[in-house]
Amino acid sequence: MDGPGRTDPQGVRAEGRGGRDSGTLVSSSMASPKKKLQGLVAATITPMTEHGEINFSVIGQYVDYLVKEQGVKNIFVNGTTGEGLSLSISERRRVAEEWVTKGRNKLDQVVIHVGALSLKESQELAQHAAEIGADGIAVIAPFFLKPWNKVRAEEVLDGIQEKIPTFQGLKFSDTDLLDFGQCVDQNRQRQFAFLFGVDEFCIQRFINFVVKLGFGVSQTKAIMTLVSGIPMGPPRLPLQKASREFTDNAEAKLRSLDFLSLNDLKDGNLEACS
C-alpha cells in the first residue's frame, strides 16, 4: 500500500505498490524545489467513480487528509498506484493540474510522473508539469520496446548531472540492496534524494497479511478508502475492484493493528471499494 515511509539520513523512503516504477527525479525548469526532497512521500491514488471516470471532486479532501492527518507534504502523482499509464494524456495533465492547484500553500513538493511508452508524449508531459508549476518530474524509460541490457541504478548516476543538470535523485524499487547502498554511498557529496519503494520491506505485519490475500492497485484503493474515509472508488478496467472478502479481511486486520476504530468507517465509503 502506498503511503508515507521513514526517512533515512541520505534520502527518502517511499512505500508502495505505486513504487514499482523505478525512475529518475528531475527538478522542474520553471519551479525549482524549495528544498531537498526528503521526509515522507505519498504516491497518490487517482480517485475514480463507479464508471471509471476520474473523481476530481475529492482531491482537495485528499490533500487535507495527507497534510493534516498523516503529516505528509510531498506527493508523487500519476505513478503505478495512481494508475497513470491507464489514463489518457489529457487525463494525466488534468490530474497533475488538480494536485498542483489543490496543494498550493499546503504541500511542500509535488512530483509528477511523466513516463510513457512514447518518448514524445513523455516530453510533452514533462513540459506541461513545468508550465503548471510542479516542483519536479519523475520518469521511467519506455518498458515495452526497450533495450535488452539491464542497467544498474549506480550506472545511471555515473555522470548524469553533466547530461541532466536539474537531476535530483532516483526512486529505487528493486530488491538489490547492494545496488541501492552503493548509490547512497558513492553519491554522498552530491546530495541526491534516494526514494526506496519496496513496500514489502516496510509495514511488514500488514503487508505480509494482505499479500497472501492478493494485493495490487485495486486492493490499495480499497484499503485507502478504509483508512482515510475518502471514496477512492474502483480501479480502471481491465483491473477489477477488490472483492468484498478482501475488504472485510483487510478491515479486520487493520482494526487488530489499531489502524481503525469502530467509528472510522462510513457505510457509503465501504461500498465504494468493495
Protein backbone atom coordinates (compact mmCIF):
# COMPACT_ATOMS: atom_id res chain seq x y z
CA MET A 1 0.00 0.00 0.00
CA ASP A 2 1.48 3.31 -0.97
CA GLY A 3 1.88 5.76 1.78
CA PRO A 4 4.48 7.50 3.89
CA GLY A 5 7.65 5.66 4.75
CA ARG A 6 10.54 6.53 7.03
CA THR A 7 13.33 8.96 6.27
CA ASP A 8 16.94 7.85 6.36
CA PRO A 9 19.78 10.39 6.59
CA GLN A 10 20.59 10.08 2.90
CA GLY A 11 17.19 10.43 1.32
CA VAL A 12 13.60 9.32 1.30
CA ARG A 13 11.78 6.08 1.77
CA ALA A 14 8.57 5.85 -0.23
CA GLU A 15 6.48 2.77 0.30
CA GLY A 16 4.40 1.33 -2.33
CA ARG A 17 2.92 -0.76 -4.99
CA GLY A 18 2.92 2.60 -6.64
CA GLY A 19 6.57 2.08 -6.24
CA ARG A 20 7.06 -0.43 -8.99
CA ASP A 21 8.04 2.30 -11.41
CA SER A 22 11.66 2.99 -10.51
CA GLY A 23 12.76 6.16 -12.16
CA THR A 24 14.81 9.31 -12.10
CA LEU A 25 13.73 12.51 -10.40
CA VAL A 26 14.29 15.82 -12.15
CA SER A 27 13.70 19.33 -10.91
CA SER A 28 11.20 21.36 -12.92
CA SER A 29 12.83 24.02 -15.07
CA MET A 30 10.17 26.56 -14.07
CA ALA A 31 9.67 25.71 -10.40
CA SER A 32 12.90 24.74 -8.67
CA PRO A 33 12.40 22.72 -5.45
CA LYS A 34 12.07 24.89 -2.37
CA LYS A 35 14.26 22.40 -0.52
CA LYS A 36 15.72 18.95 -0.91
CA LEU A 37 13.11 16.22 -1.29
CA GLN A 38 13.22 14.33 1.98
CA GLY A 39 10.94 13.03 4.70
CA LEU A 40 7.69 11.34 3.79
CA VAL A 41 6.42 10.99 0.23
CA ALA A 42 2.97 9.65 -0.70
CA ALA A 43 2.39 8.04 -4.07
CA THR A 44 -1.15 9.21 -4.66
CA ILE A 45 -4.16 7.21 -5.77
CA THR A 46 -6.34 8.59 -8.55
CA PRO A 47 -9.93 8.56 -7.22
CA MET A 48 -12.47 7.09 -9.65
CA THR A 49 -16.22 6.97 -9.93
CA GLU A 50 -18.04 3.66 -10.30
CA HIS A 51 -17.99 4.25 -14.07
CA GLY A 52 -14.22 4.57 -14.22
CA GLU A 53 -14.09 8.34 -14.60
CA ILE A 54 -11.70 10.43 -12.52
CA ASN A 55 -13.34 11.84 -9.41
CA PHE A 56 -11.64 15.23 -9.22
CA SER A 57 -14.02 16.44 -6.51
CA VAL A 58 -12.24 14.60 -3.67
CA ILE A 59 -8.64 15.55 -4.46
CA GLY A 60 -8.82 18.65 -2.27
CA GLN A 61 -10.07 16.48 0.59
CA TYR A 62 -7.26 14.03 -0.16
CA VAL A 63 -4.66 16.81 0.14
CA ASP A 64 -6.06 17.84 3.52
CA TYR A 65 -6.05 14.22 4.72
CA LEU A 66 -2.38 13.76 3.80
CA VAL A 67 -1.28 17.04 5.36
CA LYS A 68 -3.47 17.21 8.47
CA GLU A 69 -3.98 13.55 9.35
CA GLN A 70 -0.72 11.99 8.13
CA GLY A 71 1.72 14.90 8.21
CA VAL A 72 2.74 14.20 4.60
CA LYS A 73 3.60 17.22 2.47
CA ASN A 74 5.36 15.62 -0.51
CA ILE A 75 3.49 13.65 -3.17
CA PHE A 76 4.21 11.54 -6.24
CA VAL A 77 1.41 11.83 -8.80
CA ASN A 78 0.43 9.55 -11.73
CA GLY A 79 2.68 6.66 -10.80
CA THR A 80 1.67 2.99 -10.68
CA THR A 81 -0.61 3.45 -7.69
CA GLY A 82 -2.15 6.46 -9.42
CA GLU A 83 -2.89 4.29 -12.48
CA GLY A 84 -1.02 6.85 -14.54
CA LEU A 85 -0.47 4.55 -17.51
CA SER A 86 -4.19 3.71 -17.64
CA LEU A 87 -5.03 7.39 -18.07
CA SER A 88 -5.07 9.28 -21.33
CA ILE A 89 -2.50 12.05 -21.81
CA SER A 90 -5.20 14.69 -21.35
CA GLU A 91 -6.36 13.00 -18.13
CA ARG A 92 -2.82 12.88 -16.81
CA ARG A 93 -2.49 16.59 -17.46
CA ARG A 94 -5.75 17.34 -15.63
CA VAL A 95 -4.82 15.17 -12.65
CA ALA A 96 -1.45 16.90 -12.39
CA GLU A 97 -3.10 20.32 -12.58
CA GLU A 98 -5.59 19.43 -9.86
CA TRP A 99 -2.92 18.24 -7.43
CA VAL A 100 -0.77 21.31 -8.04
CA THR A 101 -3.76 23.64 -7.63
CA LYS A 102 -5.24 21.98 -4.55
CA GLY A 103 -1.82 21.52 -2.97
CA ARG A 104 -0.73 25.14 -3.35
CA ASN A 105 0.39 26.57 0.02
CA LYS A 106 -0.29 23.18 1.63
CA LEU A 107 2.16 20.73 0.06
CA ASP A 108 5.92 21.22 0.01
CA GLN A 109 6.63 19.34 -3.21
CA VAL A 110 4.51 17.87 -5.97
CA VAL A 111 6.42 15.47 -8.23
CA ILE A 112 4.65 14.37 -11.42
CA HIS A 113 5.43 11.06 -13.07
CA VAL A 114 5.73 11.64 -16.83
CA GLY A 115 6.97 8.26 -18.05
CA ALA A 116 5.22 6.86 -21.14
CA LEU A 117 5.68 4.30 -23.89
CA SER A 118 6.21 7.20 -26.28
CA LEU A 119 9.20 9.43 -25.60
CA LYS A 120 7.41 12.26 -27.38
CA GLU A 121 4.44 12.02 -25.01
CA SER A 122 6.80 11.86 -22.05
CA GLN A 123 8.47 15.06 -23.19
CA GLU A 124 5.09 16.75 -23.61
CA LEU A 125 4.04 15.72 -20.09
CA ALA A 126 7.34 16.99 -18.69
CA GLN A 127 6.85 20.36 -20.37
CA HIS A 128 3.30 20.54 -19.04
CA ALA A 129 4.49 19.76 -15.49
CA ALA A 130 6.93 22.68 -15.70
CA GLU A 131 4.25 25.00 -17.05
CA ILE A 132 1.80 24.31 -14.21
CA GLY A 133 4.43 24.83 -11.53
CA ALA A 134 5.15 21.28 -10.39
CA ASP A 135 8.25 21.01 -8.23
CA GLY A 136 9.75 18.15 -10.24
CA ILE A 137 9.14 15.21 -12.52
CA ALA A 138 9.91 11.51 -12.33
CA VAL A 139 10.27 9.28 -15.35
CA ILE A 140 10.74 5.65 -16.29
CA ALA A 141 12.09 4.57 -19.64
CA PRO A 142 9.68 3.01 -22.17
CA PHE A 143 9.13 -0.54 -20.96
CA PHE A 144 7.69 -2.41 -23.95
CA LEU A 145 10.03 -1.57 -26.82
CA LYS A 146 13.29 -1.31 -24.90
CA PRO A 147 16.98 -2.29 -24.96
CA TRP A 148 17.70 -5.80 -23.69
CA ASN A 149 20.54 -4.90 -21.35
CA LYS A 150 19.87 -4.35 -17.67
CA VAL A 151 21.31 -1.15 -16.21
CA ARG A 152 22.09 -0.90 -12.50
CA ALA A 153 20.99 2.21 -10.68
CA GLU A 154 24.56 3.15 -9.79
CA GLU A 155 25.39 3.14 -13.51
CA VAL A 156 22.55 5.58 -14.18
CA LEU A 157 24.03 8.01 -11.68
CA ASP A 158 27.50 7.96 -13.22
CA GLY A 159 27.95 11.33 -14.93
CA ILE A 160 24.21 12.03 -15.07
CA GLN A 161 24.42 15.62 -13.84
CA GLU A 162 26.55 16.55 -16.83
CA LYS A 163 23.73 15.33 -19.09
CA ILE A 164 20.80 16.45 -16.91
CA PRO A 165 21.83 19.48 -14.80
CA THR A 166 18.49 19.52 -12.97
CA PHE A 167 18.73 15.84 -11.92
CA GLN A 168 17.73 15.43 -8.26
CA GLY A 169 17.78 11.71 -7.46
CA LEU A 170 16.06 8.41 -8.10
CA LYS A 171 13.34 6.14 -6.83
CA PHE A 172 14.64 2.61 -6.22
CA SER A 173 12.09 -0.21 -6.45
CA ASP A 174 14.35 -3.22 -6.86
CA THR A 175 15.34 -5.60 -4.07
CA ASP A 176 19.08 -5.42 -4.81
CA LEU A 177 20.05 -3.52 -1.70
CA LEU A 178 23.73 -3.72 -2.63
CA ASP A 179 22.99 -1.59 -5.69
CA PHE A 180 20.90 0.80 -3.58
CA GLY A 181 23.59 1.03 -0.92
CA GLN A 182 26.26 1.82 -3.49
CA CYS A 183 24.07 4.58 -4.92
CA VAL A 184 23.86 6.18 -1.49
CA ASP A 185 27.48 5.59 -0.50
CA GLN A 186 29.07 6.81 -3.74
CA ASN A 187 26.96 9.93 -4.06
CA ARG A 188 27.04 11.45 -0.59
CA GLN A 189 28.65 14.65 -1.79
CA ARG A 190 26.05 15.29 -4.47
CA GLN A 191 23.08 15.43 -2.10
CA PHE A 192 20.78 13.37 -4.30
CA ALA A 193 17.42 12.23 -2.98
CA PHE A 194 17.01 8.45 -2.88
CA LEU A 195 13.48 7.11 -2.56
CA PHE A 196 13.07 3.48 -1.55
CA GLY A 197 9.85 1.99 -2.91
CA VAL A 198 9.63 -1.68 -1.93
CA ASP A 199 6.65 -1.90 0.39
CA GLU A 200 7.40 -5.48 1.47
CA PHE A 201 10.37 -4.07 3.41
CA CYS A 202 8.18 -1.53 5.20
CA ILE A 203 4.94 -2.05 7.18
CA GLN A 204 5.54 -5.80 7.17
CA ARG A 205 2.89 -7.03 9.59
CA PHE A 206 0.09 -5.69 7.44
CA ILE A 207 1.72 -6.12 4.01
CA ASN A 208 2.55 -9.78 4.67
CA PHE A 209 -1.09 -10.34 5.56
CA VAL A 210 -2.65 -8.70 2.51
CA VAL A 211 -0.11 -10.11 0.04
CA LYS A 212 -1.43 -13.56 0.89
CA LEU A 213 -4.93 -12.37 0.00
CA GLY A 214 -3.80 -10.95 -3.34
CA PHE A 215 -2.60 -7.38 -3.37
CA GLY A 216 -2.33 -4.73 -6.07
CA VAL A 217 -3.69 -1.35 -7.13
CA SER A 218 -7.32 -2.47 -6.67
CA GLN A 219 -6.68 -3.59 -3.12
CA THR A 220 -4.65 -0.46 -2.36
CA LYS A 221 -7.64 1.68 -3.32
CA ALA A 222 -9.91 -0.36 -1.08
CA ILE A 223 -7.55 -0.06 1.88
CA MET A 224 -7.06 3.66 1.37
CA THR A 225 -10.82 4.12 1.41
CA LEU A 226 -10.93 2.23 4.70
CA VAL A 227 -8.20 4.20 6.45
CA SER A 228 -8.93 7.68 5.08
CA GLY A 229 -12.71 7.70 4.75
CA ILE A 230 -12.29 9.18 1.25
CA PRO A 231 -14.07 7.18 -1.50
CA MET A 232 -11.27 6.18 -3.86
CA GLY A 233 -13.58 4.07 -5.99
CA PRO A 234 -12.65 1.09 -8.16
CA PRO A 235 -9.62 0.89 -10.45
CA ARG A 236 -9.93 1.49 -14.17
CA LEU A 237 -10.54 -1.51 -16.38
CA PRO A 238 -9.10 -4.01 -17.12
CA LEU A 239 -8.37 -4.17 -13.38
CA GLN A 240 -11.24 -5.41 -11.25
CA LYS A 241 -12.20 -3.84 -7.94
CA ALA A 242 -11.24 -5.58 -4.72
CA SER A 243 -13.61 -8.30 -3.56
CA ARG A 244 -15.85 -7.87 -0.56
CA GLU A 245 -13.98 -10.76 1.08
CA PHE A 246 -10.66 -8.92 0.72
CA THR A 247 -12.12 -5.70 2.08
CA ASP A 248 -13.67 -7.42 5.09
CA ASN A 249 -10.45 -9.28 5.91
CA ALA A 250 -8.32 -6.17 5.47
CA GLU A 251 -10.67 -4.14 7.69
CA ALA A 252 -10.48 -6.76 10.43
CA LYS A 253 -6.69 -6.84 10.27
CA LEU A 254 -6.45 -3.05 10.35
CA ARG A 255 -8.66 -2.99 13.44
CA SER A 256 -6.49 -5.61 15.14
CA LEU A 257 -3.43 -3.41 14.49
CA ASP A 258 -5.28 -0.32 15.83
CA PHE A 259 -5.28 1.41 12.44
CA LEU A 260 -9.08 1.65 12.54
CA SER A 261 -11.60 2.29 15.28
CA LEU A 262 -15.20 1.11 15.18
CA ASN A 263 -16.36 4.61 14.25
CA ASP A 264 -13.83 5.31 11.50
CA LEU A 265 -15.71 3.80 8.58
CA LYS A 266 -18.78 5.14 6.87
CA ASP A 267 -21.00 2.62 5.09
CA GLY A 268 -21.00 4.61 1.88
CA ASN A 269 -17.23 4.60 1.68
CA LEU A 270 -17.04 0.87 2.28
CA GLU A 271 -19.43 0.25 -0.58
CA ALA A 272 -17.27 2.39 -2.83
CA CYS A 273 -14.37 -0.05 -2.53
CA SER A 274 -15.98 -3.45 -2.20
